[in-house]
Amino acid sequence: MNLDALIENFQKKDVSAFEKLYNMYGENICGVINVILKDSERSKEICQDVFIKVWNNSSSYDASKGRFFTWILNIARNTAIDELRSKSNKEQKRNLSIDSFVGILEETEEMGNQVDVIGLKKMLKGLKELCREIISLLYFKGYTQKEAAEELGIPLGTVKTRNRNCISQIRKNNAL
């Protein structure tokens, strides 16, 4: 069965289609959540929550707006960031120094080839260090643009401009 048909069946609440999609994407989604949360057990729980959200909101997926995996990935990212910003997580020290984190490319290498399946390495290839830091803070660690500016010691406007430029570079890399 091709992916489009599988997604269509999933949207019709076909449990076997859901299971196949979970088997296809579950490990990668859990891995991405773990990159954000840095807690494998909590990441597995959040991953389950993500797939419940995906199931409950399956009708909101629109293929004309992007790939199915990207849709799930955005839900996972937002859910993980919500967890980072939650009241219970605020008790822990969240804003660690950027030096304590491994670069995005190195993190993806630690996760093995599973991330390469989603093309993350290709998209991030060739980014300057500051771009990787900004993307890491904003998209993987859940910082606001203001928090990223404070962490990096640069003006908020500079973070916004560089973020736009970095996203443009990632789009170009993805088109290659």
Protein backbone atom coordinates (compact mmCIF):
# COMPACT_ATOMS: atom_id res chain seq x y z
CA MET A 1 0.00 0.00 0.00
CA ASN A 2 1.42 3.42 -0.91
CA LEU A 3 1.80 6.17 1.66
CA ASP A 4 -1.05 8.33 0.32
CA ALA A 5 -3.51 5.44 0.56
CA LEU A 6 -2.22 4.57 4.02
CA ILE A 7 -2.73 8.16 5.19
CA GLU A 8 -6.20 8.24 3.66
CA ASN A 9 -7.14 5.06 5.53
CA PHE A 10 -5.63 6.52 8.71
CA GLN A 11 -7.81 9.61 8.32
CA LYS A 12 -10.80 7.27 8.07
CA LYS A 13 -9.79 5.93 11.51
CA ASP A 14 -8.40 2.62 10.24
CA VAL A 15 -6.51 1.16 13.21
CA SER A 16 -4.22 -0.99 11.05
CA ALA A 17 -3.19 2.11 9.06
CA PHE A 18 -2.44 3.86 12.35
CA GLU A 19 -0.28 0.94 13.47
CA LYS A 20 1.66 0.95 10.21
CA LEU A 21 2.25 4.70 10.41
CA TYR A 22 3.30 4.39 14.05
CA ASN A 23 5.77 1.64 13.11
CA MET A 24 7.11 3.82 10.29
CA TYR A 25 7.52 7.03 12.28
CA GLY A 26 7.36 6.27 16.01
CA GLU A 27 11.06 5.75 16.61
CA ASN A 28 12.04 8.91 14.73
CA ILE A 29 9.41 11.01 16.50
CA CYS A 30 10.53 9.72 19.91
CA GLY A 31 14.11 10.51 18.97
CA VAL A 32 13.30 14.08 18.02
CA ILE A 33 11.31 14.57 21.22
CA ASN A 34 14.28 13.23 23.19
CA VAL A 35 16.59 15.75 21.52
CA ILE A 36 14.35 18.47 22.97
CA LEU A 37 13.63 16.99 26.40
CA LYS A 38 16.89 15.13 27.10
CA ASP A 39 14.89 12.53 29.05
CA SER A 40 14.31 9.24 27.24
CA GLU A 41 11.55 7.96 29.55
CA ARG A 42 9.59 11.21 29.44
CA SER A 43 10.17 11.36 25.67
CA LYS A 44 8.52 7.96 25.23
CA GLU A 45 5.48 9.18 27.20
CA ILE A 46 5.27 12.38 25.16
CA CYS A 47 5.63 10.34 21.96
CA GLN A 48 2.56 8.33 22.93
CA ASP A 49 0.70 11.58 23.62
CA VAL A 50 1.74 12.87 20.19
CA PHE A 51 0.36 9.84 18.41
CA ILE A 52 -2.90 10.15 20.35
CA LYS A 53 -3.10 13.79 19.21
CA VAL A 54 -2.32 12.74 15.65
CA TRP A 55 -5.09 10.12 15.79
CA ASN A 56 -7.62 12.54 17.28
CA ASN A 57 -6.74 15.29 14.80
CA SER A 58 -6.17 13.16 11.71
CA SER A 59 -8.78 15.08 9.75
CA SER A 60 -6.75 18.28 10.08
CA TYR A 61 -3.87 16.89 7.99
CA ASP A 62 -3.79 18.51 4.54
CA ALA A 63 -1.38 16.98 2.03
CA SER A 64 -1.29 20.22 0.02
CA LYS A 65 0.37 21.98 2.97
CA GLY A 66 3.23 19.53 3.46
CA ARG A 67 4.37 15.99 4.01
CA PHE A 68 2.64 13.79 6.56
CA PHE A 69 5.85 13.22 8.50
CA THR A 70 6.42 16.98 8.73
CA TRP A 71 2.91 17.40 10.12
CA ILE A 72 3.56 14.79 12.83
CA LEU A 73 7.00 16.28 13.50
CA ASN A 74 5.50 19.73 14.11
CA ILE A 75 2.95 18.27 16.53
CA ALA A 76 5.76 16.42 18.33
CA ARG A 77 7.99 19.49 18.48
CA ASN A 78 5.19 21.68 19.82
CA THR A 79 4.18 19.06 22.39
CA ALA A 80 7.77 18.65 23.56
CA ILE A 81 8.21 22.42 23.82
CA ASP A 82 4.94 22.66 25.77
CA GLU A 83 6.39 20.06 28.14
CA LEU A 84 9.60 22.07 28.50
CA ARG A 85 7.59 25.15 29.37
CA SER A 86 5.20 23.32 31.69
CA LYS A 87 4.97 24.20 35.34
CA SER A 88 6.48 20.88 36.45
CA ASN A 89 9.46 21.27 34.17
CA LYS A 90 10.13 24.87 35.24
CA GLU A 91 11.31 23.50 38.57
CA GLN A 92 14.27 21.97 36.76
CA LYS A 93 17.06 24.07 35.36
CA ARG A 94 16.09 24.52 31.71
CA ASN A 95 18.36 27.25 30.46
CA LEU A 96 21.70 25.48 30.54
CA SER A 97 24.68 27.00 28.80
CA ILE A 98 24.89 26.32 25.08
CA ASP A 99 28.32 24.78 25.80
CA SER A 100 26.62 21.93 27.64
CA PHE A 101 24.79 20.85 24.53
CA VAL A 102 26.25 18.93 21.64
CA GLY A 103 25.72 20.51 18.20
CA ILE A 104 22.66 19.50 16.24
CA LEU A 105 24.67 17.54 13.69
CA GLU A 106 26.52 15.66 16.40
CA GLU A 107 23.23 14.91 18.19
CA THR A 108 21.80 13.45 15.02
CA GLU A 109 24.89 11.30 14.57
CA GLU A 110 24.43 9.91 18.09
CA MET A 111 20.90 8.93 17.16
CA GLY A 112 22.25 6.92 14.26
CA ASN A 113 20.74 6.53 10.84
CA GLN A 114 17.15 6.91 12.04
CA VAL A 115 17.41 10.71 11.78
CA ASP A 116 18.96 10.49 8.35
CA VAL A 117 15.70 8.90 7.22
CA ILE A 118 13.91 12.19 7.83
CA GLY A 119 16.67 14.12 6.05
CA LEU A 120 17.72 16.26 8.99
CA LYS A 121 21.42 15.94 8.24
CA LYS A 122 20.89 17.05 4.65
CA MET A 123 18.83 20.05 5.72
CA LEU A 124 21.36 21.21 8.32
CA LYS A 125 24.45 20.54 6.22
CA GLY A 126 26.55 23.60 5.60
CA LEU A 127 24.87 25.84 8.18
CA LYS A 128 27.15 28.23 9.99
CA GLU A 129 27.67 27.65 13.71
CA LEU A 130 25.48 30.60 14.73
CA CYS A 131 22.67 29.25 12.53
CA ARG A 132 22.94 25.87 14.19
CA GLU A 133 22.89 27.50 17.62
CA ILE A 134 19.81 29.60 16.77
CA ILE A 135 17.96 26.64 15.24
CA SER A 136 18.95 24.49 18.21
CA LEU A 137 17.69 27.00 20.76
CA LEU A 138 14.47 27.94 18.96
CA TYR A 139 13.36 24.64 17.48
CA PHE A 140 14.97 21.90 19.53
CA LYS A 141 15.25 23.40 22.99
CA GLY A 142 12.07 25.47 23.04
CA TYR A 143 13.53 28.90 23.65
CA THR A 144 11.60 31.99 22.63
CA GLN A 145 13.38 34.39 20.32
CA LYS A 146 13.88 36.76 23.25
CA GLU A 147 15.41 33.98 25.38
CA ALA A 148 17.67 32.96 22.48
CA ALA A 149 18.85 36.58 22.11
CA GLU A 150 19.68 36.72 25.82
CA GLU A 151 21.46 33.34 25.73
CA LEU A 152 23.55 34.31 22.70
CA GLY A 153 24.12 37.90 23.84
CA ILE A 154 22.81 39.42 20.60
CA PRO A 155 19.89 41.77 19.87
CA LEU A 156 16.40 40.32 19.42
CA GLY A 157 16.16 41.75 15.89
CA THR A 158 19.37 39.97 14.96
CA VAL A 159 17.95 36.65 16.18
CA LYS A 160 14.79 37.20 14.13
CA THR A 161 16.72 38.09 10.97
CA ARG A 162 19.21 35.26 11.34
CA ASN A 163 16.41 32.80 12.09
CA ARG A 164 14.69 33.78 8.82
CA ASN A 165 17.99 33.49 6.93
CA CYS A 166 18.76 30.12 8.53
CA ILE A 167 15.32 28.76 7.66
CA SER A 168 15.82 29.96 4.07
CA GLN A 169 19.15 28.12 3.95
CA ILE A 170 17.53 24.97 5.33
CA ARG A 171 14.83 25.20 2.66
CA LYS A 172 17.51 25.52 -0.03
CA ASN A 173 19.35 22.50 1.42
CA ASN A 174 16.10 20.53 1.47
CA ALA A 175 15.42 21.37 -2.19
CA LEU A 176 18.80 19.92 -3.26
